[in-house]
Amino acid sequence: MNVLLDNLELFREGLVGTVSLTAASAVIALVVGVLIAGFRVSPVPPLRIFGTAWVTLLRNTPLTLLFMMMFFVLPEIVFPGMSSYVLAVLALGFYTSAFVCEAVRSGINTVPLGQAEAARSIGMTFVQTLTSIVLPQATRTVLPPLSSIMIALTKNSAIAGAFDNMELFNVQKVLSDKGFEVMVIFVWVAIAYLILVFLISGLFRLLERRLGVAR
């Protein structure tokens, strides 16, 4: 308990950092993931090819390697001087977007084909059909896998600590360097992650109930 109380401000900074990284990258992952899912079911071949390439590349690239590319390659070529926080958020967001895309695409595939055909028959465009007819129905089946993806994102944010970002796992490194007992630090860090995971799970359970997800 002394480790926590004596370093409460450091733990608070780590918790805020983890929440901030998770929330910002989750927004990117959801927006980009839904967009890429739309590409993958689009009637336009170049968009389908781009969507497939995006998912295949990111799902098969280790997250640590993606971080190294974002931090040591991309700034030298495109965005020199970009902050480590923004680079970490982009790496986490883009990586997670591939998994969000597949979850959304699976949800889209559960919507009866007749729904889209009926929408097209009354003159609705592909984008109108997708946003007004298909995605609202797919949302119900997408929420459970999205919950798991967001939980995984929270834990993946620990990698950002190795790239000059303050988050929960980075707290362990700082306190270990100061000579505190490693196992005690790990216990408090694990408790913090458990609290975040329970909050995310509770949020998605609430959304499932509000949207009347079939059980």
C-alpha atoms as a PDB file:
ATOM      1  CA  MET A   1       0.000   0.000   0.000  1.00  0.00           C
ATOM      2  CA  ASN A   2       2.915   2.348   0.735  1.00  0.00           C
ATOM      3  CA  VAL A   3       4.077   2.076  -2.880  1.00  0.00           C
ATOM      4  CA  LEU A   4       0.698   3.358  -4.061  1.00  0.00           C
ATOM      5  CA  LEU A   5       0.285   6.103  -1.461  1.00  0.00           C
ATOM      6  CA  ASP A   6       3.841   7.367  -1.750  1.00  0.00           C
ATOM      7  CA  ASN A   7       3.590   7.556  -5.535  1.00  0.00           C
ATOM      8  CA  LEU A   8      -0.087   8.380  -5.938  1.00  0.00           C
ATOM      9  CA  GLU A   9       0.568  11.274  -8.319  1.00  0.00           C
ATOM     10  CA  LEU A  10       2.689   9.057 -10.586  1.00  0.00           C
ATOM     11  CA  PHE A  11      -0.006   6.362 -10.654  1.00  0.00           C
ATOM     12  CA  ARG A  12      -2.592   9.034 -11.425  1.00  0.00           C
ATOM     13  CA  GLU A  13      -0.519  10.283 -14.364  1.00  0.00           C
ATOM     14  CA  GLY A  14      -0.121   6.737 -15.627  1.00  0.00           C
ATOM     15  CA  LEU A  15      -3.845   6.028 -15.363  1.00  0.00           C
ATOM     16  CA  VAL A  16      -4.761   9.284 -17.112  1.00  0.00           C
ATOM     17  CA  GLY A  17      -2.194   8.523 -19.820  1.00  0.00           C
ATOM     18  CA  THR A  18      -3.620   5.056 -20.439  1.00  0.00           C
ATOM     19  CA  VAL A  19      -7.193   6.363 -20.559  1.00  0.00           C
ATOM     20  CA  SER A  20      -6.187   9.186 -22.895  1.00  0.00           C
ATOM     21  CA  LEU A  21      -4.273   6.876 -25.258  1.00  0.00           C
ATOM     22  CA  THR A  22      -7.116   4.353 -25.270  1.00  0.00           C
ATOM     23  CA  ALA A  23      -9.893   6.899 -25.834  1.00  0.00           C
ATOM     24  CA  ALA A  24      -8.129   8.827 -28.605  1.00  0.00           C
ATOM     25  CA  SER A  25      -7.008   5.714 -30.473  1.00  0.00           C
ATOM     26  CA  ALA A  26     -10.466   4.144 -30.038  1.00  0.00           C
ATOM     27  CA  VAL A  27     -12.049   7.097 -31.841  1.00  0.00           C
ATOM     28  CA  ILE A  28      -9.595   6.703 -34.727  1.00  0.00           C
ATOM     29  CA  ALA A  29     -10.081   2.937 -34.786  1.00  0.00           C
ATOM     30  CA  LEU A  30     -13.882   3.206 -34.903  1.00  0.00           C
ATOM     31  CA  VAL A  31     -13.993   5.906 -37.580  1.00  0.00           C
ATOM     32  CA  VAL A  32     -11.347   4.325 -39.807  1.00  0.00           C
ATOM     33  CA  GLY A  33     -12.605   0.788 -39.129  1.00  0.00           C
ATOM     34  CA  VAL A  34     -16.173   1.591 -40.188  1.00  0.00           C
ATOM     35  CA  LEU A  35     -14.882   3.435 -43.257  1.00  0.00           C
ATOM     36  CA  ILE A  36     -12.662   0.520 -44.307  1.00  0.00           C
ATOM     37  CA  ALA A  37     -15.548  -1.903 -43.694  1.00  0.00           C
ATOM     38  CA  GLY A  38     -17.588   0.214 -46.103  1.00  0.00           C
ATOM     39  CA  PHE A  39     -14.755  -0.046 -48.616  1.00  0.00           C
ATOM     40  CA  ARG A  40     -14.682  -3.829 -48.251  1.00  0.00           C
ATOM     41  CA  VAL A  41     -18.365  -4.215 -49.127  1.00  0.00           C
ATOM     42  CA  SER A  42     -18.336  -1.442 -51.730  1.00  0.00           C
ATOM     43  CA  PRO A  43     -19.336  -2.183 -55.352  1.00  0.00           C
ATOM     44  CA  VAL A  44     -16.260  -0.194 -56.455  1.00  0.00           C
ATOM     45  CA  PRO A  45     -13.345  -2.640 -57.043  1.00  0.00           C
ATOM     46  CA  PRO A  46     -10.485  -0.211 -56.184  1.00  0.00           C
ATOM     47  CA  LEU A  47     -12.097   0.519 -52.808  1.00  0.00           C
ATOM     48  CA  ARG A  48     -12.503  -3.189 -52.083  1.00  0.00           C
ATOM     49  CA  ILE A  49      -8.856  -3.795 -52.993  1.00  0.00           C
ATOM     50  CA  PHE A  50      -7.708  -0.932 -50.755  1.00  0.00           C
ATOM     51  CA  GLY A  51      -9.849  -2.180 -47.844  1.00  0.00           C
ATOM     52  CA  THR A  52      -8.565  -5.729 -48.188  1.00  0.00           C
ATOM     53  CA  ALA A  53      -4.947  -4.538 -48.376  1.00  0.00           C
ATOM     54  CA  TRP A  54      -5.411  -2.318 -45.294  1.00  0.00           C
ATOM     55  CA  VAL A  55      -6.816  -5.142 -43.184  1.00  0.00           C
ATOM     56  CA  THR A  56      -4.358  -7.760 -44.415  1.00  0.00           C
ATOM     57  CA  LEU A  57      -1.332  -5.538 -43.836  1.00  0.00           C
ATOM     58  CA  LEU A  58      -2.266  -4.292 -40.372  1.00  0.00           C
ATOM     59  CA  ARG A  59      -3.625  -7.574 -38.998  1.00  0.00           C
ATOM     60  CA  ASN A  60      -0.440  -9.372 -39.983  1.00  0.00           C
ATOM     61  CA  THR A  61       1.982  -6.712 -38.723  1.00  0.00           C
ATOM     62  CA  PRO A  62       3.105  -7.048 -35.077  1.00  0.00           C
ATOM     63  CA  LEU A  63       2.045  -3.991 -33.108  1.00  0.00           C
ATOM     64  CA  THR A  64       5.572  -3.409 -31.810  1.00  0.00           C
ATOM     65  CA  LEU A  65       6.894  -3.345 -35.382  1.00  0.00           C
ATOM     66  CA  LEU A  66       4.162  -0.884 -36.344  1.00  0.00           C
ATOM     67  CA  PHE A  67       5.206   1.349 -33.441  1.00  0.00           C
ATOM     68  CA  MET A  68       8.819   1.242 -34.593  1.00  0.00           C
ATOM     69  CA  MET A  69       7.795   2.213 -38.123  1.00  0.00           C
ATOM     70  CA  MET A  70       5.595   5.044 -36.838  1.00  0.00           C
ATOM     71  CA  PHE A  71       8.314   6.419 -34.562  1.00  0.00           C
ATOM     72  CA  PHE A  72      11.502   5.867 -36.541  1.00  0.00           C
ATOM     73  CA  VAL A  73      10.453   5.772 -40.202  1.00  0.00           C
ATOM     74  CA  LEU A  74       7.324   7.878 -40.717  1.00  0.00           C
ATOM     75  CA  PRO A  75       8.598  11.057 -38.985  1.00  0.00           C
ATOM     76  CA  GLU A  76      11.704  11.029 -41.147  1.00  0.00           C
ATOM     77  CA  ILE A  77       9.647  10.816 -44.333  1.00  0.00           C
ATOM     78  CA  VAL A  78       6.317  12.550 -43.782  1.00  0.00           C
ATOM     79  CA  PHE A  79       5.765  14.183 -40.372  1.00  0.00           C
ATOM     80  CA  PRO A  80       9.012  15.405 -38.777  1.00  0.00           C
ATOM     81  CA  GLY A  81       8.647  16.689 -35.245  1.00  0.00           C
ATOM     82  CA  MET A  82       5.330  14.968 -34.483  1.00  0.00           C
ATOM     83  CA  SER A  83       4.823  14.294 -30.773  1.00  0.00           C
ATOM     84  CA  SER A  84       5.236  10.798 -29.361  1.00  0.00           C
ATOM     85  CA  TYR A  85       1.639  10.903 -28.068  1.00  0.00           C
ATOM     86  CA  VAL A  86       0.183  11.528 -31.541  1.00  0.00           C
ATOM     87  CA  LEU A  87       2.375   8.854 -33.100  1.00  0.00           C
ATOM     88  CA  ALA A  88       1.299   6.341 -30.432  1.00  0.00           C
ATOM     89  CA  VAL A  89      -2.375   7.179 -30.939  1.00  0.00           C
ATOM     90  CA  LEU A  90      -2.044   6.754 -34.706  1.00  0.00           C
ATOM     91  CA  ALA A  91      -0.238   3.429 -34.338  1.00  0.00           C
ATOM     92  CA  LEU A  92      -2.833   2.065 -31.908  1.00  0.00           C
ATOM     93  CA  GLY A  93      -5.762   3.511 -33.851  1.00  0.00           C
ATOM     94  CA  PHE A  94      -4.709   2.229 -37.264  1.00  0.00           C
ATOM     95  CA  TYR A  95      -3.777  -1.200 -35.920  1.00  0.00           C
ATOM     96  CA  THR A  96      -7.085  -1.598 -34.082  1.00  0.00           C
ATOM     97  CA  SER A  97      -9.070  -0.284 -37.065  1.00  0.00           C
ATOM     98  CA  ALA A  98      -8.297  -3.492 -38.966  1.00  0.00           C
ATOM     99  CA  PHE A  99     -10.003  -5.558 -36.266  1.00  0.00           C
ATOM    100  CA  VAL A 100     -12.895  -3.095 -35.993  1.00  0.00           C
ATOM    101  CA  CYS A 101     -13.320  -3.346 -39.764  1.00  0.00           C
ATOM    102  CA  GLU A 102     -13.671  -7.118 -39.665  1.00  0.00           C
ATOM    103  CA  ALA A 103     -16.124  -6.969 -36.767  1.00  0.00           C
ATOM    104  CA  VAL A 104     -18.256  -4.398 -38.602  1.00  0.00           C
ATOM    105  CA  ARG A 105     -18.034  -6.338 -41.864  1.00  0.00           C
ATOM    106  CA  SER A 106     -19.224  -9.473 -40.070  1.00  0.00           C
ATOM    107  CA  GLY A 107     -22.144  -7.485 -38.673  1.00  0.00           C
ATOM    108  CA  ILE A 108     -22.970  -6.154 -42.133  1.00  0.00           C
ATOM    109  CA  ASN A 109     -23.066  -9.710 -43.460  1.00  0.00           C
ATOM    110  CA  THR A 110     -25.735 -10.635 -40.893  1.00  0.00           C
ATOM    111  CA  VAL A 111     -28.179  -8.097 -42.365  1.00  0.00           C
ATOM    112  CA  PRO A 112     -30.470  -9.823 -44.901  1.00  0.00           C
ATOM    113  CA  LEU A 113     -29.523  -9.031 -48.483  1.00  0.00           C
ATOM    114  CA  GLY A 114     -33.137  -8.113 -49.207  1.00  0.00           C
ATOM    115  CA  GLN A 115     -32.775  -5.020 -47.033  1.00  0.00           C
ATOM    116  CA  ALA A 116     -30.109  -3.553 -49.330  1.00  0.00           C
ATOM    117  CA  GLU A 117     -31.955  -4.639 -52.466  1.00  0.00           C
ATOM    118  CA  ALA A 118     -35.147  -2.973 -51.255  1.00  0.00           C
ATOM    119  CA  ALA A 119     -33.241   0.235 -50.529  1.00  0.00           C
ATOM    120  CA  ARG A 120     -31.666   0.238 -53.989  1.00  0.00           C
ATOM    121  CA  SER A 121     -35.045  -0.400 -55.579  1.00  0.00           C
ATOM    122  CA  ILE A 122     -36.363   2.891 -54.215  1.00  0.00           C
ATOM    123  CA  GLY A 123     -33.354   4.807 -55.525  1.00  0.00           C
ATOM    124  CA  MET A 124     -31.074   4.944 -52.482  1.00  0.00           C
ATOM    125  CA  THR A 125     -27.345   5.093 -53.188  1.00  0.00           C
ATOM    126  CA  PHE A 126     -24.824   2.648 -51.740  1.00  0.00           C
ATOM    127  CA  VAL A 127     -23.728   5.150 -49.095  1.00  0.00           C
ATOM    128  CA  GLN A 128     -27.320   5.934 -48.121  1.00  0.00           C
ATOM    129  CA  THR A 129     -28.158   2.241 -47.926  1.00  0.00           C
ATOM    130  CA  LEU A 130     -25.099   1.494 -45.820  1.00  0.00           C
ATOM    131  CA  THR A 131     -25.504   4.360 -43.356  1.00  0.00           C
ATOM    132  CA  SER A 132     -29.297   4.417 -43.063  1.00  0.00           C
ATOM    133  CA  ILE A 133     -30.306   0.770 -43.456  1.00  0.00           C
ATOM    134  CA  VAL A 134     -27.443  -1.686 -43.024  1.00  0.00           C
ATOM    135  CA  LEU A 135     -25.174  -0.237 -40.320  1.00  0.00           C
ATOM    136  CA  PRO A 136     -27.974   0.556 -37.823  1.00  0.00           C
ATOM    137  CA  GLN A 137     -29.085  -3.086 -37.999  1.00  0.00           C
ATOM    138  CA  ALA A 138     -25.525  -4.423 -37.917  1.00  0.00           C
ATOM    139  CA  THR A 139     -24.701  -2.444 -34.781  1.00  0.00           C
ATOM    140  CA  ARG A 140     -26.500  -4.905 -32.547  1.00  0.00           C
ATOM    141  CA  THR A 141     -24.363  -7.854 -33.588  1.00  0.00           C
ATOM    142  CA  VAL A 142     -21.155  -5.789 -33.722  1.00  0.00           C
ATOM    143  CA  LEU A 143     -21.186  -4.625 -30.087  1.00  0.00           C
ATOM    144  CA  PRO A 144     -19.983  -7.867 -28.420  1.00  0.00           C
ATOM    145  CA  PRO A 145     -16.841  -8.255 -30.580  1.00  0.00           C
ATOM    146  CA  LEU A 146     -16.188  -4.513 -30.350  1.00  0.00           C
ATOM    147  CA  SER A 147     -16.124  -4.855 -26.569  1.00  0.00           C
ATOM    148  CA  SER A 148     -13.310  -7.402 -26.808  1.00  0.00           C
ATOM    149  CA  ILE A 149     -11.448  -5.230 -29.315  1.00  0.00           C
ATOM    150  CA  MET A 150     -11.603  -2.172 -27.049  1.00  0.00           C
ATOM    151  CA  ILE A 151     -10.382  -4.220 -24.091  1.00  0.00           C
ATOM    152  CA  ALA A 152      -7.471  -5.472 -26.182  1.00  0.00           C
ATOM    153  CA  LEU A 153      -6.745  -1.872 -27.220  1.00  0.00           C
ATOM    154  CA  THR A 154      -6.540  -0.831 -23.575  1.00  0.00           C
ATOM    155  CA  LYS A 155      -3.938  -3.489 -22.873  1.00  0.00           C
ATOM    156  CA  ASN A 156      -2.076  -2.796 -26.126  1.00  0.00           C
ATOM    157  CA  SER A 157      -1.611   0.811 -25.030  1.00  0.00           C
ATOM    158  CA  ALA A 158       1.103  -0.473 -22.666  1.00  0.00           C
ATOM    159  CA  ILE A 159       3.454  -0.636 -25.666  1.00  0.00           C
ATOM    160  CA  ALA A 160       3.297   3.157 -25.902  1.00  0.00           C
ATOM    161  CA  GLY A 161       5.159   3.347 -22.595  1.00  0.00           C
ATOM    162  CA  ALA A 162       8.292   2.090 -24.317  1.00  0.00           C
ATOM    163  CA  PHE A 163       8.053   5.008 -26.768  1.00  0.00           C
ATOM    164  CA  ASP A 164       8.246   7.997 -24.435  1.00  0.00           C
ATOM    165  CA  ASN A 165       4.605   8.036 -23.293  1.00  0.00           C
ATOM    166  CA  MET A 166       3.431   8.092 -19.700  1.00  0.00           C
ATOM    167  CA  GLU A 167       0.906   5.319 -19.081  1.00  0.00           C
ATOM    168  CA  LEU A 168       0.302   2.603 -16.495  1.00  0.00           C
ATOM    169  CA  PHE A 169       2.948   0.146 -17.575  1.00  0.00           C
ATOM    170  CA  ASN A 170       5.495   2.959 -17.752  1.00  0.00           C
ATOM    171  CA  VAL A 171       4.822   3.589 -14.051  1.00  0.00           C
ATOM    172  CA  GLN A 172       6.207   0.135 -13.293  1.00  0.00           C
ATOM    173  CA  LYS A 173       9.432   0.944 -15.121  1.00  0.00           C
ATOM    174  CA  VAL A 174       9.870   4.275 -13.346  1.00  0.00           C
ATOM    175  CA  LEU A 175       9.257   2.826  -9.877  1.00  0.00           C
ATOM    176  CA  SER A 176      11.445  -0.219 -10.546  1.00  0.00           C
ATOM    177  CA  ASP A 177      14.297   2.119 -11.413  1.00  0.00           C
ATOM    178  CA  LYS A 178      13.751   3.797  -8.036  1.00  0.00           C
ATOM    179  CA  GLY A 179      14.212   0.457  -6.246  1.00  0.00           C
ATOM    180  CA  PHE A 180      10.610  -0.414  -5.324  1.00  0.00           C
ATOM    181  CA  GLU A 181       9.523  -4.057  -5.203  1.00  0.00           C
ATOM    182  CA  VAL A 182       8.576  -5.104  -8.747  1.00  0.00           C
ATOM    183  CA  MET A 183       5.835  -7.560  -7.816  1.00  0.00           C
ATOM    184  CA  VAL A 184       4.049  -5.031  -5.597  1.00  0.00           C
ATOM    185  CA  ILE A 185       4.091  -2.490  -8.425  1.00  0.00           C
ATOM    186  CA  PHE A 186       2.752  -5.084 -10.859  1.00  0.00           C
ATOM    187  CA  VAL A 187      -0.149  -5.836  -8.513  1.00  0.00           C
ATOM    188  CA  TRP A 188      -1.266  -2.191  -8.416  1.00  0.00           C
ATOM    189  CA  VAL A 189      -0.810  -1.776 -12.174  1.00  0.00           C
ATOM    190  CA  ALA A 190      -2.830  -4.954 -12.772  1.00  0.00           C
ATOM    191  CA  ILE A 191      -5.615  -3.675 -10.492  1.00  0.00           C
ATOM    192  CA  ALA A 192      -5.745  -0.429 -12.470  1.00  0.00           C
ATOM    193  CA  TYR A 193      -6.032  -2.343 -15.752  1.00  0.00           C
ATOM    194  CA  LEU A 194      -8.766  -4.545 -14.266  1.00  0.00           C
ATOM    195  CA  ILE A 195     -10.759  -1.466 -13.278  1.00  0.00           C
ATOM    196  CA  LEU A 196     -10.504  -0.076 -16.819  1.00  0.00           C
ATOM    197  CA  VAL A 197     -11.497  -3.417 -18.337  1.00  0.00           C
ATOM    198  CA  PHE A 198     -14.531  -3.710 -16.047  1.00  0.00           C
ATOM    199  CA  LEU A 199     -15.596  -0.169 -16.959  1.00  0.00           C
ATOM    200  CA  ILE A 200     -15.336  -0.896 -20.694  1.00  0.00           C
ATOM    201  CA  SER A 201     -17.222  -4.177 -20.302  1.00  0.00           C
ATOM    202  CA  GLY A 202     -19.924  -2.432 -18.289  1.00  0.00           C
ATOM    203  CA  LEU A 203     -20.276   0.308 -20.900  1.00  0.00           C
ATOM    204  CA  PHE A 204     -20.766  -2.191 -23.708  1.00  0.00           C
ATOM    205  CA  ARG A 205     -23.214  -4.262 -21.658  1.00  0.00           C
ATOM    206  CA  LEU A 206     -25.219  -1.094 -21.107  1.00  0.00           C
ATOM    207  CA  LEU A 207     -25.180  -0.366 -24.847  1.00  0.00           C
ATOM    208  CA  GLU A 208     -26.286  -3.919 -25.604  1.00  0.00           C
ATOM    209  CA  ARG A 209     -29.241  -3.588 -23.253  1.00  0.00           C
ATOM    210  CA  ARG A 210     -30.181  -0.176 -24.636  1.00  0.00           C
ATOM    211  CA  LEU A 211     -30.137  -1.494 -28.186  1.00  0.00           C
ATOM    212  CA  GLY A 212     -31.958  -4.686 -27.257  1.00  0.00           C
ATOM    213  CA  VAL A 213     -29.262  -7.141 -28.331  1.00  0.00           C
ATOM    214  CA  ALA A 214     -30.684 -10.631 -28.558  1.00  0.00           C
ATOM    215  CA  ARG A 215     -29.187 -13.033 -26.041  1.00  0.00           C
END
